[in-house]
């Protein structure tokens, strides 16, 4: 695993937590912010996977 994969997964978990907390307390803005952060984390992790694969195949 590289830094992007780890940081992406951390962002994903933080975003999911914020999203659920927003749903529980009825705060739509917090829910949306969490969903955005979760998806950004997924994309960062995907970038990490691509970098890992490229490095492995050089």
C-alpha atoms as a PDB file:
ATOM      1  CA  UNK A   1       0.000   0.000   0.000  1.00  0.00           C
ATOM      2  CA  UNK A   2       1.149   3.508  -0.719  1.00  0.00           C
ATOM      3  CA  UNK A   3       0.339   6.859   0.880  1.00  0.00           C
ATOM      4  CA  UNK A   4      -2.538   7.658  -1.476  1.00  0.00           C
ATOM      5  CA  UNK A   5      -4.240   4.351  -0.752  1.00  0.00           C
ATOM      6  CA  UNK A   6      -3.969   4.833   3.020  1.00  0.00           C
ATOM      7  CA  UNK A   7      -4.964   8.513   3.030  1.00  0.00           C
ATOM      8  CA  UNK A   8      -7.843   7.768   0.681  1.00  0.00           C
ATOM      9  CA  UNK A   9      -9.233   5.031   2.919  1.00  0.00           C
ATOM     10  CA  UNK A  10      -8.929   7.301   5.961  1.00  0.00           C
ATOM     11  CA  UNK A  11     -10.840  10.081   4.166  1.00  0.00           C
ATOM     12  CA  UNK A  12     -13.427   7.548   3.081  1.00  0.00           C
ATOM     13  CA  UNK A  13     -14.053   6.416   6.667  1.00  0.00           C
ATOM     14  CA  UNK A  14     -14.131   9.988   7.981  1.00  0.00           C
ATOM     15  CA  UNK A  15     -16.596  10.953   5.264  1.00  0.00           C
ATOM     16  CA  UNK A  16     -18.871   7.981   5.931  1.00  0.00           C
ATOM     17  CA  UNK A  17     -18.857   8.783   9.646  1.00  0.00           C
ATOM     18  CA  UNK A  18     -19.765  12.413   8.964  1.00  0.00           C
ATOM     19  CA  UNK A  19     -22.448  11.354   6.493  1.00  0.00           C
ATOM     20  CA  UNK A  20     -24.098   9.020   9.009  1.00  0.00           C
ATOM     21  CA  UNK A  21     -23.832  11.592  11.797  1.00  0.00           C
ATOM     22  CA  UNK A  22     -25.548  14.132   9.549  1.00  0.00           C
ATOM     23  CA  UNK A  23     -28.376  11.683   8.872  1.00  0.00           C
ATOM     24  CA  UNK A  24     -28.804  10.883  12.556  1.00  0.00           C
ATOM     25  CA  UNK A  25     -29.012  14.495  13.689  1.00  0.00           C
ATOM     26  CA  UNK A  26     -30.929  15.635  10.613  1.00  0.00           C
ATOM     27  CA  UNK A  27     -28.229  17.988   9.331  1.00  0.00           C
ATOM     28  CA  UNK A  28     -28.409  17.760   5.534  1.00  0.00           C
ATOM     29  CA  UNK A  29     -25.315  19.939   4.999  1.00  0.00           C
ATOM     30  CA  UNK A  30     -23.182  17.682   7.203  1.00  0.00           C
ATOM     31  CA  UNK A  31     -24.569  14.639   5.415  1.00  0.00           C
ATOM     32  CA  UNK A  32     -23.646  16.041   2.000  1.00  0.00           C
ATOM     33  CA  UNK A  33     -20.180  17.139   3.186  1.00  0.00           C
ATOM     34  CA  UNK A  34     -19.584  13.627   4.473  1.00  0.00           C
ATOM     35  CA  UNK A  35     -20.676  12.054   1.196  1.00  0.00           C
ATOM     36  CA  UNK A  36     -18.349  14.361  -0.753  1.00  0.00           C
ATOM     37  CA  UNK A  37     -15.414  13.545   1.528  1.00  0.00           C
ATOM     38  CA  UNK A  38     -16.197   9.822   1.303  1.00  0.00           C
ATOM     39  CA  UNK A  39     -16.187   9.914  -2.497  1.00  0.00           C
ATOM     40  CA  UNK A  40     -13.001  12.010  -2.584  1.00  0.00           C
ATOM     41  CA  UNK A  41     -11.364   9.397  -0.403  1.00  0.00           C
ATOM     42  CA  UNK A  42     -12.447   6.619  -2.744  1.00  0.00           C
ATOM     43  CA  UNK A  43     -10.940   8.461  -5.696  1.00  0.00           C
ATOM     44  CA  UNK A  44      -7.687   9.125  -3.850  1.00  0.00           C
ATOM     45  CA  UNK A  45      -7.453   5.424  -2.989  1.00  0.00           C
ATOM     46  CA  UNK A  46      -8.067   4.564  -6.656  1.00  0.00           C
ATOM     47  CA  UNK A  47      -5.250   6.900  -7.681  1.00  0.00           C
ATOM     48  CA  UNK A  48      -3.050   5.069  -5.210  1.00  0.00           C
ATOM     49  CA  UNK A  49      -3.994   1.730  -6.748  1.00  0.00           C
ATOM     50  CA  UNK A  50      -3.104   2.981 -10.229  1.00  0.00           C
ATOM     51  CA  UNK A  51       0.229   4.366  -9.030  1.00  0.00           C
ATOM     52  CA  UNK A  52       0.973   1.086  -7.294  1.00  0.00           C
ATOM     53  CA  UNK A  53       0.178  -0.892 -10.436  1.00  0.00           C
ATOM     54  CA  UNK A  54       2.286   1.408 -12.626  1.00  0.00           C
ATOM     55  CA  UNK A  55       5.221   1.176 -10.256  1.00  0.00           C
ATOM     56  CA  UNK A  56       4.901  -2.608 -10.108  1.00  0.00           C
ATOM     57  CA  UNK A  57       4.934  -2.960 -13.899  1.00  0.00           C
ATOM     58  CA  UNK A  58       7.984  -0.767 -14.604  1.00  0.00           C
END
